[in-house]
Protein backbone atom coordinates (compact mmCIF):
# COMPACT_ATOMS: atom_id res chain seq x y z
CA MET A 1 136.03 126.34 117.23
CA GLY A 2 137.32 125.51 113.37
CA GLY A 3 140.21 123.10 114.25
CA HIS A 4 137.93 120.95 116.05
CA VAL A 5 135.05 121.08 113.29
CA LEU A 6 137.79 120.64 110.70
CA LEU A 7 138.70 117.47 112.52
CA ALA A 8 135.29 116.03 113.37
CA VAL A 9 134.29 116.54 109.37
CA PHE A 10 137.47 114.79 108.26
CA THR A 11 136.95 112.20 110.94
CA MET A 12 133.02 111.25 109.78
CA CYS A 13 134.39 111.62 106.30
CA MET A 14 136.56 108.65 106.54
CA LEU A 15 133.85 106.93 108.26
CA CYS A 16 131.33 107.45 105.51
CA SER A 17 133.34 107.72 102.55
CA GLY A 18 133.59 103.74 102.20
CA VAL A 19 130.94 101.23 101.38
CA THR A 20 128.99 98.86 102.86
CA ALA A 21 129.12 95.36 101.96
CA GLN A 22 126.14 95.26 100.52
CA LEU A 23 126.08 98.76 98.87
CA ASN A 24 128.79 99.46 96.39
CA PRO A 25 129.19 102.48 93.66
CA ASP A 26 130.50 99.84 91.35
CA ILE A 27 127.47 97.40 91.64
CA TYR A 28 126.46 97.96 88.32
CA ALA A 29 129.88 98.02 86.29
CA LYS A 30 128.99 94.82 84.40
CA SER A 31 125.09 94.87 84.56
CA CYS A 32 124.76 98.68 83.70
CA PRO A 33 128.41 100.26 82.96
CA SER A 34 126.58 103.27 81.00
CA LEU A 35 123.69 104.19 84.48
CA VAL A 36 125.73 107.07 85.48
CA GLN A 37 125.95 108.86 82.36
CA ILE A 38 122.46 108.03 81.59
CA VAL A 39 120.83 109.66 84.76
CA ARG A 40 123.13 112.82 84.46
CA LYS A 41 122.05 113.34 80.86
CA GLN A 42 118.63 113.20 82.01
CA VAL A 43 118.77 115.16 84.91
CA MET A 44 120.68 118.21 82.62
CA ILE A 45 117.87 117.88 79.93
CA ALA A 46 115.61 118.67 83.11
CA LEU A 47 117.61 121.37 84.86
CA ARG A 48 117.49 122.74 81.23
CA ALA A 49 114.07 122.80 81.08
CA GLU A 50 113.45 124.46 84.79
CA MET A 51 116.50 124.98 87.16
CA ARG A 52 114.11 124.79 90.16
CA MET A 53 113.76 121.10 89.25
CA ALA A 54 117.45 120.14 90.86
CA ALA A 55 115.90 121.23 94.63
CA SER A 56 113.00 118.95 93.85
CA LEU A 57 114.74 116.10 93.10
CA ILE A 58 117.09 116.13 95.98
CA ARG A 59 113.75 116.80 98.04
CA LEU A 60 112.31 113.73 96.53
CA HIS A 61 115.48 111.69 98.06
CA PHE A 62 115.28 112.89 101.18
CA HIS A 63 111.21 112.56 101.87
CA ASP A 64 111.82 109.11 100.40
CA CYS A 65 114.84 107.67 102.98
CA PHE A 66 112.93 109.48 105.76
CA VAL A 67 109.97 107.27 105.35
CA ASN A 68 110.65 103.41 105.18
CA GLY A 69 114.25 104.21 104.20
CA CYS A 70 115.48 104.46 100.78
CA ASP A 71 113.26 102.28 98.54
CA ALA A 72 111.75 104.79 96.48
CA SER A 73 108.44 104.42 98.27
CA VAL A 74 107.71 107.88 97.69
CA LEU A 75 107.35 107.13 94.29
CA LEU A 76 104.21 104.55 94.25
CA ASP A 77 100.70 105.62 93.61
CA GLY A 78 97.70 104.43 95.29
CA ALA A 79 95.15 105.40 97.42
CA ASP A 80 97.86 105.21 100.18
CA SER A 81 100.30 106.85 98.36
CA GLU A 82 103.35 108.72 100.25
CA LYS A 83 102.83 111.49 97.73
CA LEU A 84 99.04 112.12 99.28
CA ALA A 85 100.27 112.93 102.55
CA ILE A 86 100.50 116.35 104.12
CA PRO A 87 104.27 116.97 103.47
CA ASN A 88 103.95 115.84 99.62
CA ALA A 89 100.71 116.45 98.56
CA ASN A 90 100.43 119.28 95.87
CA SER A 91 104.10 119.76 97.12
CA ALA A 92 106.48 117.10 95.94
CA ARG A 93 107.35 117.12 92.09
CA GLY A 94 110.10 115.63 89.76
CA PHE A 95 108.41 112.19 89.28
CA GLU A 96 108.02 112.86 85.86
CA VAL A 97 111.93 113.46 85.76
CA ILE A 98 112.40 110.04 87.35
CA ASP A 99 109.90 108.08 84.98
CA THR A 100 111.98 109.84 82.36
CA ILE A 101 115.17 108.30 83.58
CA LYS A 102 113.59 104.82 84.71
CA ALA A 103 112.70 104.32 81.08
CA ALA A 104 116.20 105.64 79.79
CA VAL A 105 117.74 102.86 82.14
CA GLU A 106 115.38 100.38 81.39
CA ASN A 107 115.79 100.79 77.88
CA ALA A 108 120.01 100.08 78.19
CA CYS A 109 119.57 98.18 81.02
CA PRO A 110 115.80 96.28 81.51
CA GLY A 111 115.38 94.68 85.09
CA VAL A 112 118.89 95.82 86.54
CA VAL A 113 118.73 99.06 88.06
CA SER A 114 115.96 100.18 90.96
CA CYS A 115 114.14 103.08 91.40
CA ALA A 116 115.62 103.89 94.82
CA ASP A 117 119.10 103.92 93.32
CA ILE A 118 118.12 106.20 90.53
CA LEU A 119 116.72 108.39 92.95
CA THR A 120 119.84 108.73 94.80
CA LEU A 121 121.82 109.34 91.75
CA ALA A 122 119.37 111.74 90.50
CA ALA A 123 119.88 113.63 93.74
CA ARG A 124 123.61 113.65 93.51
CA ASP A 125 123.46 115.02 90.33
CA SER A 126 121.20 117.90 91.20
CA VAL A 127 123.75 119.23 93.55
CA PHE A 128 126.54 118.88 91.36
CA LEU A 129 125.08 120.30 88.40
CA SER A 130 123.58 123.42 90.44
CA GLY A 131 127.49 124.41 91.45
CA GLY A 132 127.38 122.15 94.28
CA PRO A 133 129.97 118.91 95.43
CA GLN A 134 130.50 115.75 93.65
CA TRP A 135 130.48 112.31 95.27
CA ARG A 136 130.50 108.51 94.32
CA VAL A 137 127.20 107.14 95.50
CA ALA A 138 126.79 103.74 97.15
CA LEU A 139 124.51 101.53 94.92
CA GLY A 140 122.86 98.49 95.17
CA ARG A 141 119.44 99.16 96.92
CA LYS A 142 116.06 97.37 96.16
CA ASP A 143 112.58 98.69 95.75
CA GLY A 144 109.94 98.65 98.70
CA LEU A 145 106.88 97.08 97.67
CA VAL A 146 104.75 99.48 100.04
CA ALA A 147 104.14 102.94 100.82
CA ASN A 148 103.61 104.45 104.10
CA GLN A 149 101.56 107.49 104.17
CA SER A 150 101.08 107.79 107.87
CA SER A 151 104.64 107.85 108.30
CA ALA A 152 105.42 110.33 105.38
CA ASN A 153 102.72 112.63 107.16
CA ASN A 154 105.43 112.80 109.96
CA LEU A 155 108.37 113.89 107.73
CA PRO A 156 110.03 116.82 109.49
CA SER A 157 108.00 119.89 109.49
CA PRO A 158 108.86 123.69 108.79
CA PHE A 159 106.58 124.32 111.85
CA GLU A 160 108.15 122.33 114.49
CA PRO A 161 110.73 123.51 116.83
CA LEU A 162 114.27 122.28 117.02
CA ASP A 163 114.44 119.66 119.45
CA ALA A 164 111.50 117.87 117.67
CA ILE A 165 113.43 118.06 114.38
CA ILE A 166 116.71 117.05 115.82
CA ALA A 167 114.55 113.98 117.24
CA LYS A 168 113.53 112.91 113.52
CA PHE A 169 116.67 112.69 112.47
CA VAL A 170 118.15 110.71 115.32
CA ALA A 171 115.21 108.48 114.64
CA VAL A 172 116.31 107.47 111.43
CA GLY A 173 120.35 107.52 112.59
CA LEU A 174 121.28 110.52 111.50
CA ASN A 175 122.96 113.58 114.13
CA ILE A 176 123.00 117.26 114.52
CA THR A 177 125.71 117.58 112.10
CA ASP A 178 123.43 116.19 109.49
CA VAL A 179 120.30 118.49 110.35
CA VAL A 180 122.33 121.39 109.69
CA SER A 181 124.25 120.41 106.51
CA LEU A 182 121.18 118.79 105.00
CA SER A 183 119.29 121.91 105.99
CA GLY A 184 121.58 123.52 103.65
CA ALA A 185 119.86 122.07 100.90
CA HIS A 186 117.38 125.04 101.17
CA THR A 187 120.23 126.71 99.60
CA PHE A 188 118.36 126.44 96.27
CA GLY A 189 114.46 125.73 95.59
CA GLN A 190 111.58 127.45 96.28
CA ALA A 191 108.77 127.09 99.14
CA LYS A 192 105.00 127.82 99.12
CA CYS A 193 103.31 130.86 101.23
CA ASP A 194 101.74 128.07 103.13
CA LEU A 195 104.71 127.06 104.36
CA PHE A 196 106.09 130.61 106.06
CA SER A 197 103.12 132.76 105.86
CA ASN A 198 102.28 132.47 109.40
CA ARG A 199 105.52 134.28 110.31
CA LEU A 200 104.55 137.37 108.54
CA PHE A 201 101.47 138.64 110.32
CA ASN A 202 100.44 136.17 113.27
CA PHE A 203 103.54 134.25 114.61
CA THR A 204 102.80 134.79 118.36
CA GLY A 205 99.06 134.60 118.20
CA ALA A 206 99.04 138.39 118.98
CA GLY A 207 98.91 139.94 115.63
CA THR A 208 103.05 140.22 115.54
CA PRO A 209 105.49 138.53 112.60
CA ASP A 210 108.34 136.41 113.88
CA ALA A 211 111.03 138.52 115.55
CA THR A 212 113.97 136.66 114.01
CA LEU A 213 112.95 137.58 110.26
CA ALA A 214 114.90 140.89 109.00
CA THR A 215 113.02 143.64 108.61
CA ALA A 216 113.55 143.65 104.39
CA LEU A 217 112.70 140.36 103.75
CA LEU A 218 109.40 140.95 106.00
CA SER A 219 108.85 143.37 103.56
CA ASN A 220 109.10 141.55 100.40
CA LEU A 221 107.31 138.54 101.67
CA ARG A 222 104.28 140.36 102.78
CA THR A 223 103.86 141.59 99.37
CA VAL A 224 104.74 138.23 98.02
CA CYS A 225 101.74 136.36 100.41
CA PRO A 226 99.32 138.71 101.53
CA VAL A 227 97.06 137.98 104.05
CA GLY A 228 94.32 136.01 102.42
CA GLY A 229 96.70 135.39 99.08
CA ASN A 230 97.40 132.41 97.21
CA GLY A 231 98.93 129.37 99.45
CA ASN A 232 100.62 128.15 96.61
CA GLN A 233 102.65 131.22 95.62
CA THR A 234 106.31 130.70 95.79
CA ALA A 235 109.11 132.46 96.93
CA PRO A 236 112.93 131.25 96.85
CA LEU A 237 114.30 129.50 100.05
CA ASP A 238 117.77 131.30 99.14
CA SER A 239 116.91 134.85 97.62
CA ASN A 240 120.65 135.89 96.70
CA SER A 241 121.26 132.53 94.59
CA THR A 242 117.96 130.90 94.00
CA ASP A 243 119.15 128.11 91.63
CA ALA A 244 123.32 127.91 93.07
CA PHE A 245 123.86 125.21 95.26
CA ASP A 246 126.11 127.36 97.68
CA ASN A 247 126.63 128.42 100.96
CA ASN A 248 124.62 131.70 100.81
CA TYR A 249 121.57 129.60 102.78
CA PHE A 250 124.09 129.88 105.94
CA LYS A 251 125.04 133.47 105.44
CA ASN A 252 121.26 134.27 105.37
CA LEU A 253 120.40 132.87 108.71
CA LEU A 254 123.07 134.86 110.40
CA GLU A 255 120.82 137.97 108.85
CA GLY A 256 117.83 136.64 109.90
CA LYS A 257 117.07 135.84 106.19
CA GLY A 258 116.19 132.34 106.62
CA LEU A 259 112.84 131.82 104.59
CA LEU A 260 111.38 128.90 106.69
CA SER A 261 110.93 128.95 110.77
CA SER A 262 112.92 125.39 110.32
CA ASP A 263 115.58 127.29 108.79
CA GLN A 264 116.19 130.58 110.91
CA ILE A 265 115.81 128.28 114.37
CA LEU A 266 119.14 126.52 113.29
CA PHE A 267 120.87 129.96 114.09
CA SER A 268 118.40 131.70 116.41
CA SER A 269 116.67 129.65 118.83
CA ASP A 270 117.85 129.24 122.19
CA LEU A 271 118.27 125.36 121.64
CA ALA A 272 120.39 126.43 118.61
CA VAL A 273 122.96 127.72 121.25
CA ASN A 274 124.55 124.38 122.13
CA THR A 275 123.49 122.65 119.37
CA THR A 276 123.55 124.03 115.47
CA LYS A 277 124.28 127.42 116.11
CA ARG A 278 128.18 126.99 115.41
CA LEU A 279 127.51 124.67 112.72
CA VAL A 280 125.49 127.65 110.52
CA GLU A 281 128.40 129.97 111.43
CA ALA A 282 131.42 127.44 110.63
CA TYR A 283 129.58 126.65 107.29
CA SER A 284 128.47 130.20 106.59
CA GLN A 285 132.52 131.12 106.58
CA SER A 286 133.54 127.90 104.70
CA GLN A 287 131.76 126.58 101.51
CA ASN A 288 134.33 123.90 101.48
CA LEU A 289 133.56 122.91 104.64
CA PHE A 290 129.52 122.85 103.86
CA PHE A 291 130.42 120.74 100.82
CA ARG A 292 132.42 117.99 102.45
CA ASP A 293 129.79 117.82 105.72
CA PHE A 294 126.97 117.81 103.07
CA THR A 295 128.28 115.01 101.20
CA CYS A 296 129.04 112.66 104.03
CA SER A 297 125.45 113.10 105.37
CA MET A 298 124.12 112.64 102.19
CA ILE A 299 126.06 109.35 102.18
CA ARG A 300 124.80 108.79 105.56
CA MET A 301 121.07 109.28 104.52
CA GLY A 302 121.12 107.03 101.51
CA ARG A 303 122.04 104.32 104.11
CA ILE A 304 119.07 104.61 106.02
CA THR A 305 117.45 101.27 106.44
CA ASN A 306 118.11 100.08 102.55
CA LEU A 307 116.60 97.12 100.98
CA VAL A 308 119.41 95.20 99.83
CA ASN A 309 120.29 91.60 97.95
CA GLY A 310 118.95 89.11 100.19
CA SER A 311 116.21 91.48 101.79
CA LYS A 312 112.68 91.57 100.77
CA GLY A 313 112.22 93.84 97.95
CA GLU A 314 112.30 94.11 93.89
CA ILE A 315 113.57 96.19 91.04
CA ARG A 316 110.59 97.84 89.87
CA LYS A 317 110.37 97.97 86.03
CA ASN A 318 108.13 101.29 87.01
CA CYS A 319 108.53 103.42 89.47
CA ARG A 320 105.18 104.12 90.17
CA LEU A 321 103.02 100.80 89.49
CA ARG A 322 102.35 98.12 92.15
CA SER A 323 100.61 94.79 92.36
CA ASP A 324 98.36 96.15 95.59
CA PHE A 325 97.40 99.55 94.09
CA TYR A 326 93.72 98.93 94.43
CA SER A 327 94.32 97.12 97.84
CA THR A 328 92.04 99.67 99.55
CA THR A 329 90.03 101.42 96.69
CA CYS A 330 88.66 97.78 95.13
CA PRO A 331 90.18 95.10 96.77
CA ASN A 332 88.31 92.40 94.94
CA VAL A 333 89.20 93.43 91.62
CA THR A 334 90.87 90.63 90.44
CA VAL A 335 88.46 88.18 91.90
CA ILE A 336 85.81 89.78 90.01
CA ALA A 337 87.82 89.57 86.85
CA ARG A 338 88.50 85.80 87.00
CA GLY A 339 84.99 85.15 87.95
CA LEU A 340 83.52 86.85 84.80
CA ILE A 341 86.43 85.17 82.50
CA GLU A 342 85.56 81.67 84.04
CA GLN A 343 82.16 81.92 83.22
CA ALA A 344 82.69 83.17 79.55
CA SER A 345 85.00 80.85 78.87
CA ARG A 346 82.86 78.01 80.01
CA SER A 347 80.73 79.03 76.65
CA ASP A 348 84.19 79.91 74.80
CA VAL A 349 86.83 78.12 75.48
CA ARG A 350 89.30 80.21 73.43
CA LEU A 351 88.31 83.50 75.39
CA PRO A 352 91.35 83.28 77.22
CA ALA A 353 93.41 83.84 74.10
CA LYS A 354 91.19 86.65 72.75
CA VAL A 355 91.55 88.45 75.80
CA MET A 356 95.42 88.23 76.22
CA ARG A 357 95.36 89.22 72.36
CA LEU A 358 93.56 92.37 73.10
CA HIS A 359 96.26 93.45 76.04
CA PHE A 360 99.01 92.67 73.38
CA HIS A 361 97.41 95.20 70.70
CA ASP A 362 96.59 97.40 73.23
CA CYS A 363 100.32 97.77 75.03
CA PHE A 364 101.84 98.15 70.80
CA VAL A 365 100.04 101.20 70.16
CA ASN A 366 100.71 104.11 72.12
CA GLY A 367 101.37 101.73 75.33
CA CYS A 368 99.47 100.22 77.42
CA ASP A 369 96.61 102.57 77.84
CA GLY A 370 93.15 100.65 76.62
CA SER A 371 93.18 102.41 73.78
CA VAL A 372 92.33 99.65 71.85
CA LEU A 373 88.88 98.98 73.59
CA LEU A 374 87.85 102.33 71.98
CA ASP A 375 85.29 102.54 69.53
CA ALA A 376 85.76 104.80 66.47
CA ALA A 377 84.38 108.15 67.49
CA PRO A 378 85.09 111.29 65.10
CA ALA A 379 83.79 113.85 66.90
CA ASP A 380 85.90 113.04 69.86
CA GLY A 381 88.82 113.22 67.70
CA VAL A 382 88.96 109.25 68.56
CA GLU A 383 90.35 107.12 65.14
CA GLY A 384 89.54 103.75 66.59
CA GLU A 385 92.06 101.00 66.64
CA LYS A 386 89.70 98.20 65.95
CA GLY A 387 89.67 98.90 62.42
CA ALA A 388 93.66 98.74 61.52
CA LEU A 389 94.72 95.30 59.38
CA GLN A 390 95.68 93.61 61.77
CA ASN A 391 92.94 94.14 64.37
CA ALA A 392 89.69 94.04 62.00
CA ASN A 393 87.36 91.13 61.85
CA SER A 394 90.09 89.86 63.92
CA LEU A 395 89.99 91.19 67.78
CA ALA A 396 87.71 89.57 70.05
CA GLY A 397 86.82 89.50 73.88
CA PHE A 398 85.80 93.09 73.96
CA GLU A 399 82.25 91.98 75.50
CA VAL A 400 84.20 89.79 78.71
CA ILE A 401 86.06 93.32 79.20
CA ASP A 402 82.78 95.41 78.95
CA ASP A 403 81.20 92.72 81.68
CA ILE A 404 84.26 93.34 84.18
CA LYS A 405 84.23 96.88 83.76
CA THR A 406 80.79 97.42 83.97
CA ALA A 407 80.92 94.84 87.52
CA LEU A 408 84.05 96.94 89.04
CA GLU A 409 81.75 100.09 88.11
CA ASN A 410 79.13 98.83 90.51
CA VAL A 411 81.36 98.01 93.34
CA CYS A 412 84.14 100.59 92.85
CA PRO A 413 82.89 103.67 90.72
CA GLY A 414 85.41 105.48 88.79
CA VAL A 415 88.59 103.55 90.18
CA VAL A 416 89.64 101.01 88.08
CA SER A 417 91.18 102.07 84.73
CA CYS A 418 90.57 99.91 81.39
CA ALA A 419 94.10 100.14 80.97
CA ASP A 420 94.29 97.96 84.10
CA ILE A 421 91.53 95.37 83.28
CA LEU A 422 93.41 94.67 80.35
CA PRO A 423 96.44 93.00 82.13
CA ILE A 424 94.72 91.77 84.83
CA ALA A 425 92.23 90.11 82.30
CA ALA A 426 95.58 88.59 80.53
CA GLU A 427 97.07 87.08 83.63
CA VAL A 428 93.86 85.50 84.54
CA SER A 429 93.35 83.91 80.88
CA VAL A 430 96.51 82.68 80.67
CA ALA A 431 96.53 81.08 84.11
CA LEU A 432 92.99 79.66 83.46
CA ALA A 433 94.87 77.84 80.45
CA GLY A 434 97.18 76.25 82.36
CA GLY A 435 99.93 78.60 82.28
CA PRO A 436 101.98 80.88 84.72
CA SER A 437 100.61 83.47 87.34
CA TRP A 438 102.57 86.60 88.03
CA ASP A 439 101.99 89.90 90.05
CA VAL A 440 100.25 92.32 87.59
CA LEU A 441 101.65 95.35 88.33
CA LEU A 442 98.56 98.34 88.55
CA GLY A 443 97.82 101.95 88.37
CA ARG A 444 97.73 102.60 84.82
CA ARG A 445 95.34 105.15 83.78
CA ASP A 446 93.49 105.44 80.40
CA GLY A 447 94.09 107.33 76.92
CA ARG A 448 91.74 109.72 75.44
CA THR A 449 92.85 108.88 71.84
CA ALA A 450 93.14 105.84 69.70
CA SER A 451 95.14 105.90 66.34
CA GLN A 452 94.10 103.51 63.40
CA THR A 453 97.35 104.42 61.39
CA ASP A 454 99.44 103.80 64.44
CA ALA A 455 97.78 100.58 64.71
CA ALA A 456 98.45 99.44 61.34
CA ALA A 457 102.49 100.77 61.62
CA ALA A 458 103.25 99.33 65.15
CA LEU A 459 101.35 95.87 65.34
CA PRO A 460 103.26 92.86 64.13
CA LEU A 461 101.89 91.13 60.86
CA GLY A 462 102.14 87.57 60.16
CA SER A 463 104.35 88.30 56.93
CA ASP A 464 106.85 90.53 58.74
CA SER A 465 110.12 89.25 58.33
CA LEU A 466 112.41 88.41 61.48
CA ASP A 467 114.14 91.98 60.95
CA ILE A 468 110.67 93.82 61.21
CA LEU A 469 109.59 91.82 64.03
CA THR A 470 112.54 92.33 65.96
CA SER A 471 112.66 96.48 64.77
CA LYS A 472 108.54 96.59 66.30
CA PHE A 473 109.54 94.90 69.45
CA SER A 474 112.65 96.87 70.03
CA ALA A 475 110.60 100.19 69.62
CA HIS A 476 109.06 99.05 73.17
CA ASN A 477 112.16 98.18 74.97
CA LEU A 478 111.24 94.73 73.82
CA ASP A 479 114.13 92.37 73.33
CA THR A 480 114.81 88.91 71.32
CA THR A 481 113.82 87.06 74.45
CA ASP A 482 110.69 88.75 74.86
CA LEU A 483 109.95 88.62 70.99
CA VAL A 484 110.20 84.59 71.31
CA ALA A 485 108.72 84.54 74.62
CA LEU A 486 105.87 86.67 73.39
CA SER A 487 105.30 84.67 70.49
CA GLY A 488 104.43 81.63 72.89
CA ALA A 489 101.34 83.09 73.30
CA HIS A 490 100.43 81.79 70.32
CA THR A 491 100.13 78.31 71.97
CA PHE A 492 96.57 78.82 72.13
CA GLY A 493 94.00 80.61 70.41
CA ARG A 494 93.48 80.74 66.36
CA VAL A 495 94.01 82.91 63.41
CA VAL A 496 91.84 83.71 60.42
CA CYS A 497 92.72 81.69 56.91
CA ALA A 498 93.28 85.42 55.35
CA VAL A 499 96.67 85.39 57.57
CA ILE A 500 98.13 82.55 55.95
CA ASP A 501 96.78 82.73 52.57
CA ASN A 502 99.45 83.77 50.93
CA ARG A 503 101.60 81.10 52.80
CA LEU A 504 99.48 78.80 51.45
CA HIS A 505 99.13 79.07 48.23
CA ASN A 506 100.68 82.40 46.54
CA PHE A 507 103.99 82.42 48.36
CA ASN A 508 106.65 85.24 47.31
CA ASN A 509 103.74 86.13 45.06
CA VAL A 510 103.99 82.72 42.85
CA SER A 511 100.43 81.29 41.98
CA GLY A 512 100.48 77.95 43.53
CA GLN A 513 103.61 78.25 45.60
CA SER A 514 103.58 77.82 49.34
CA ASP A 515 106.11 78.50 51.87
CA PRO A 516 108.91 76.00 51.98
CA SER A 517 109.69 75.98 55.50
CA ILE A 518 106.23 74.16 56.50
CA GLU A 519 106.41 70.27 57.03
CA PRO A 520 104.77 68.61 53.89
CA GLU A 521 102.01 66.77 55.56
CA PHE A 522 101.35 69.79 57.89
CA LEU A 523 101.13 72.10 54.87
CA GLN A 524 98.27 69.43 53.20
CA THR A 525 96.24 69.89 56.50
CA LEU A 526 96.28 73.51 56.19
CA ARG A 527 95.21 73.92 52.41
CA ARG A 528 92.26 71.67 53.48
CA GLN A 529 91.39 73.85 56.49
CA CYS A 530 91.98 77.13 54.13
CA PRO A 531 91.31 76.39 50.53
CA GLN A 532 92.81 79.29 48.28
CA GLY A 533 90.42 82.80 48.95
CA GLY A 534 88.36 80.71 51.49
CA PRO A 535 86.75 81.91 54.76
CA GLY A 536 87.51 80.08 58.22
CA ARG A 537 89.93 80.00 61.28
CA VAL A 538 92.98 77.37 62.15
CA ASN A 539 94.37 76.58 65.41
CA LEU A 540 97.68 78.09 66.00
CA ASP A 541 98.98 75.34 67.95
CA PRO A 542 96.90 71.99 66.54
CA THR A 543 98.80 69.78 69.16
CA SER A 544 97.14 71.40 72.26
CA PRO A 545 95.00 74.31 70.63
CA ASP A 546 93.34 75.50 74.37
CA SER A 547 95.72 75.04 76.40
CA PHE A 548 99.09 77.28 77.43
CA ASP A 549 101.77 74.95 77.43
CA ASN A 550 105.50 74.99 75.48
CA ASP A 551 104.00 72.73 72.79
CA TYR A 552 104.13 76.13 70.21
CA TYR A 553 107.89 75.95 70.09
CA LYS A 554 108.10 71.78 69.53
CA ASN A 555 105.99 72.68 66.86
CA LEU A 556 108.40 75.06 65.24
CA GLN A 557 111.08 72.55 65.91
CA ASN A 558 108.94 70.17 63.28
CA ASN A 559 108.43 73.16 61.17
CA ARG A 560 104.56 73.08 61.86
CA GLY A 561 104.34 76.90 62.61
CA VAL A 562 101.05 78.01 61.41
CA ILE A 563 102.16 81.68 60.82
CA GLU A 564 105.32 82.91 59.15
CA SER A 565 105.93 85.17 61.59
CA ASP A 566 106.28 82.19 64.30
CA GLN A 567 108.19 79.55 61.82
CA ILE A 568 110.95 82.42 61.37
CA LEU A 569 111.87 82.41 65.15
CA PHE A 570 113.20 78.69 64.08
CA SER A 571 114.09 78.62 60.39
CA SER A 572 116.21 81.83 60.40
CA THR A 573 119.53 79.99 60.57
CA GLY A 574 121.92 81.83 62.76
CA SER A 575 119.15 84.06 64.60
CA PRO A 576 119.49 83.92 68.25
CA THR A 577 115.76 83.12 68.03
CA VAL A 578 116.83 79.55 66.95
CA SER A 579 118.35 78.70 70.59
CA LEU A 580 115.64 80.41 72.39
CA VAL A 581 112.90 78.30 70.80
CA ASN A 582 115.27 74.85 71.63
CA ARG A 583 115.22 76.37 75.14
CA PHE A 584 111.69 76.72 75.58
CA ALA A 585 110.50 73.79 73.85
CA GLY A 586 112.94 71.32 76.08
CA ASP A 587 111.75 73.24 79.27
CA GLN A 588 108.16 74.17 79.77
CA THR A 589 108.99 76.14 83.15
CA GLU A 590 111.52 77.89 81.68
CA PHE A 591 108.74 79.15 79.06
CA PHE A 592 106.49 80.12 81.85
CA ARG A 593 109.41 82.18 83.60
CA ASN A 594 110.39 84.11 80.75
CA PHE A 595 106.76 84.67 79.48
CA ALA A 596 106.01 85.77 82.87
CA ARG A 597 108.50 88.29 83.08
CA SER A 598 107.97 89.54 79.75
CA MET A 599 104.62 90.11 80.50
CA ILE A 600 105.40 92.44 83.36
CA LYS A 601 107.43 94.01 80.98
CA MET A 602 105.25 94.53 78.03
CA GLY A 603 102.73 95.93 80.67
CA ASN A 604 105.29 99.00 81.53
CA VAL A 605 104.97 100.25 78.11
CA ARG A 606 104.31 103.81 78.07
CA THR A 607 101.61 103.76 80.81
CA LEU A 608 99.96 106.77 81.65
CA THR A 609 100.05 107.02 85.65
CA GLY A 610 99.39 109.81 88.19
CA THR A 611 96.83 112.71 86.51
CA GLN A 612 97.68 111.64 82.78
CA GLY A 613 94.68 110.27 80.92
CA GLU A 614 91.65 109.40 82.65
CA ILE A 615 89.67 106.56 84.53
CA ARG A 616 87.01 105.49 81.92
CA ARG A 617 83.53 104.72 82.81
CA ASP A 618 82.99 102.91 79.63
CA CYS A 619 86.06 100.79 78.02
CA ARG A 620 84.39 102.10 74.82
CA ARG A 621 84.37 105.63 74.82
CA VAL A 622 85.89 108.78 76.67
CA ASN A 623 84.61 110.49 79.43
């Protein structure tokens, strides 16, 4: 028997150790060379905080691959989220760790690595860092666009008979060896009482426990999980080495110490005699054999119906957010927002620029959490951001956001966050002004605090140097291209004269001196519009002030940038921003493409998701 098993293992590992034409361990060698180190570092940090997390991360990968294939659909939030399926609800965990890994990867290699590949790497590292085997992970998956809660409800269950479990593995292209070796992941981690308490007291329906359960373990488990006790209480899946990845799981099965029924039946059921029992025995005798088969099965599972280059899918910037987040809970959210912005724009042509600016000023302070909308409320610990220097007497558009929120609360009460209304309204506003459209990723939740101090420190100033601007953008994982592309939003809207007063009349604190980078004729025009110390506003783009186009960059080429922080993008000799200004000035389509990309990227800055934050009923105050 042993020789045949070893031969089969060797043959299978030879078959699965290679790579497909589209999945390759080295696919990120140039585009994200530090990927493996980044993932491992974050997994190590997570395991130092809680060793149980290793088992949670590999379970996430398993529950992902068995539903729609390995496409990270298990990570998506939403009403139809797989997280809410019976096998996952209040059970699947580790999402925050994946979020942290994704953020670290995006910081190093923005827009390159899929959440699906991150899940696969995190699972491998969880095993290895717990004492298990190491293997090269084939990479190149893309992320799925949809979740499948109904399919997630059909994941292999601890209550099912062995033939049903085998059938579910076969349905995704896995075999009996995979059933047994992958079940060996229960060598670490915990399970809730609800998943095995039926074995303790009334397994047969006649008031008797499961006869295959060892007497000593039965006694211990009855203490942990008494009749009528807390079903969320947990017990170790492998009481001999709870946090170590080894072959004790299989030794336990030989002694009737499998915690879940679906574990013990691999050795003790009638069907096991001719299917799984001999593998359990072989793995209990040889940890090396288990490790080799487990490695091979993980590689095989990682290939289940992958989305790869050329197939439908995406590289998510955020593993949770999705464009169809409200498809069932509030399907008309964008239609409602668009209607109200169109209506408001008829009486205020500059409204789109105001709304766009609100979204920007929100994301740069504590992330895209709707905090910019909060009124100051000292009793609630809310220090309103509206009073910061960059916002005071400057930000506008709050009323239309209020109107959108009121309309949404009427049709979808308690569903849509203010933090999501802002990016929806920004995209609608840009499109209405003639700019690009993009799929807005949704699923943010609202913050409960606002900080005027943070706003003053984080938001760019019109007088900031290029180094300071770059630093402020970099703090949010936004690079030079994002800086130049997002600055292009100044192709519409106005600015108060106070922002440019020093540039026109007191540059470098020399009375009467102006910024020499301003074209002379344009300088005189600005001085007439903004006399020293006077009130008023001027168009940011004098060529086409209310249209979203690339005239802003053409203005910079002609030294007609209104704000100093705009003009320095072109006037800073040798800076990479100069070539970007020229590129966008020469090709509006290229500007639109990069602007949409940067808006999606900015919309991912420190988002609150899942159970974080709240869904405000009123955007101006916390619930």
